Amino acid sequence: MPDLVAWRSRLARLQVLVAEADNALAGFIGFSTDGHIDLLYTAPEYARRGVASALYGETERRLSASGVRVLCTEASLVAAPFFSLQGFTVAAHQRISASARQRVSASCVAAWP
């Protein structure tokens, strides 16, 4: 069962953009105004159809317009190639333990002039 209080708290600190298609959630991105991308999700039925790219592109446009020059995220190993295509580089790998499960992620950074 998701911890709704924790999710509400996490989302309250973020700017969130939502993509819809055919009256369904296609994906969303959550980011802070300092350039940290906290969440990026695409519904499986909309994967590889440009949803994540569109959400990321709009996020980058907004942050760039506000003066942010460096973006960062902690990407799963599955998501790291997507961020690499957006110009991110892996700054470090990290192992995260949560609820007796471990996952490896990449701390990624992108900068532009």
Protein backbone atom coordinates (compact mmCIF):
# COMPACT_ATOMS: atom_id res chain seq x y z
CA MET A 1 0.00 0.00 0.00
CA PRO A 2 1.49 3.38 -0.98
CA ASP A 3 2.20 5.86 1.79
CA LEU A 4 -0.11 8.66 0.60
CA VAL A 5 1.07 11.12 3.25
CA ALA A 6 4.68 10.67 2.11
CA TRP A 7 3.70 11.01 -1.57
CA ARG A 8 1.70 14.17 -0.91
CA SER A 9 4.64 15.66 0.97
CA ARG A 10 7.08 14.72 -1.78
CA LEU A 11 4.88 16.10 -4.57
CA ALA A 12 4.11 19.32 -2.69
CA ARG A 13 7.77 20.32 -3.02
CA LEU A 14 7.84 19.81 -6.79
CA GLN A 15 6.61 21.35 -9.98
CA VAL A 16 4.69 18.56 -11.76
CA LEU A 17 3.82 18.33 -15.44
CA VAL A 18 1.35 15.69 -16.61
CA ALA A 19 0.92 14.21 -20.09
CA GLU A 20 -2.50 12.91 -21.04
CA ALA A 21 -3.59 10.94 -24.09
CA ASP A 22 -7.07 9.63 -24.83
CA ASN A 23 -8.24 10.84 -21.38
CA ALA A 24 -5.61 8.66 -19.69
CA LEU A 25 -2.40 9.42 -17.81
CA ALA A 26 0.45 8.98 -20.29
CA GLY A 27 3.19 10.19 -17.96
CA PHE A 28 4.45 12.83 -15.57
CA ILE A 29 7.61 14.59 -14.48
CA GLY A 30 8.34 16.21 -11.11
CA PHE A 31 11.16 18.69 -10.67
CA SER A 32 12.34 21.36 -8.28
CA THR A 33 13.13 24.91 -9.31
CA ASP A 34 16.83 24.34 -8.55
CA GLY A 35 17.10 21.88 -11.47
CA HIS A 36 16.65 18.54 -9.71
CA ILE A 37 14.44 16.08 -11.60
CA ASP A 38 12.90 13.91 -8.91
CA LEU A 39 10.35 11.86 -10.87
CA LEU A 40 9.84 10.87 -14.49
CA TYR A 41 7.25 8.25 -15.35
CA THR A 42 5.69 7.00 -18.57
CA ALA A 43 2.73 4.60 -18.49
CA PRO A 44 3.74 1.31 -20.13
CA GLU A 45 1.19 1.65 -22.92
CA TYR A 46 2.75 5.01 -23.89
CA ALA A 47 6.39 3.94 -23.63
CA ARG A 48 8.67 4.80 -26.56
CA ARG A 49 6.11 7.20 -28.02
CA GLY A 50 7.83 10.47 -27.09
CA VAL A 51 6.01 11.11 -23.82
CA ALA A 52 9.13 11.26 -21.62
CA SER A 53 10.96 13.33 -24.23
CA ALA A 54 8.13 15.85 -24.41
CA LEU A 55 7.88 16.12 -20.62
CA TYR A 56 11.64 16.47 -20.26
CA GLY A 57 11.80 19.04 -23.07
CA GLU A 58 9.18 21.24 -21.44
CA THR A 59 10.91 20.90 -18.07
CA GLU A 60 14.25 21.89 -19.58
CA ARG A 61 12.63 24.86 -21.35
CA ARG A 62 11.03 26.13 -18.14
CA LEU A 63 14.14 25.69 -16.01
CA SER A 64 16.40 27.26 -18.62
CA ALA A 65 14.04 30.25 -18.91
CA SER A 66 14.25 30.70 -15.14
CA GLY A 67 18.05 30.79 -15.24
CA VAL A 68 18.88 27.23 -14.20
CA ARG A 69 22.01 26.02 -16.01
CA VAL A 70 22.59 22.60 -14.43
CA LEU A 71 20.09 19.76 -14.14
CA CYS A 72 20.54 16.66 -12.03
CA THR A 73 18.71 13.44 -11.28
CA GLU A 74 19.18 10.03 -9.75
CA ALA A 75 18.19 7.74 -12.60
CA SER A 76 17.52 4.03 -12.39
CA LEU A 77 19.72 1.91 -14.62
CA VAL A 78 16.70 1.52 -16.91
CA ALA A 79 16.22 5.30 -17.17
CA ALA A 80 19.91 6.24 -17.42
CA PRO A 81 20.08 5.74 -21.23
CA PHE A 82 17.15 8.13 -21.69
CA PHE A 83 18.90 10.81 -19.65
CA SER A 84 22.13 10.15 -21.54
CA LEU A 85 20.29 10.92 -24.79
CA GLN A 86 19.23 14.24 -23.22
CA GLY A 87 22.88 15.16 -22.61
CA PHE A 88 23.28 13.94 -19.04
CA THR A 89 26.49 12.27 -17.92
CA VAL A 90 26.86 9.83 -15.05
CA ALA A 91 28.59 11.52 -12.13
CA ALA A 92 28.45 8.47 -9.84
CA HIS A 93 26.69 5.16 -9.29
CA GLN A 94 24.91 4.56 -6.01
CA ARG A 95 23.35 1.56 -4.32
CA ILE A 96 20.10 2.34 -2.55
CA SER A 97 18.49 0.03 -0.01
CA ALA A 98 14.79 0.34 0.72
CA SER A 99 12.54 -2.17 2.44
CA ALA A 100 15.10 -4.99 2.16
CA ARG A 101 15.44 -4.37 -1.58
CA GLN A 102 18.47 -2.89 -3.21
CA ARG A 103 18.67 -1.00 -6.44
CA VAL A 104 21.50 0.63 -8.26
CA SER A 105 21.03 4.06 -9.75
CA ALA A 106 23.17 6.59 -11.53
CA SER A 107 23.55 10.13 -10.30
CA CYS A 108 23.38 12.08 -13.56
CA VAL A 109 24.14 15.71 -14.37
CA ALA A 110 23.50 17.85 -17.45
CA ALA A 111 24.65 21.43 -18.01
CA TRP A 112 24.27 23.89 -20.83
CA PRO A 113 25.60 27.39 -21.47
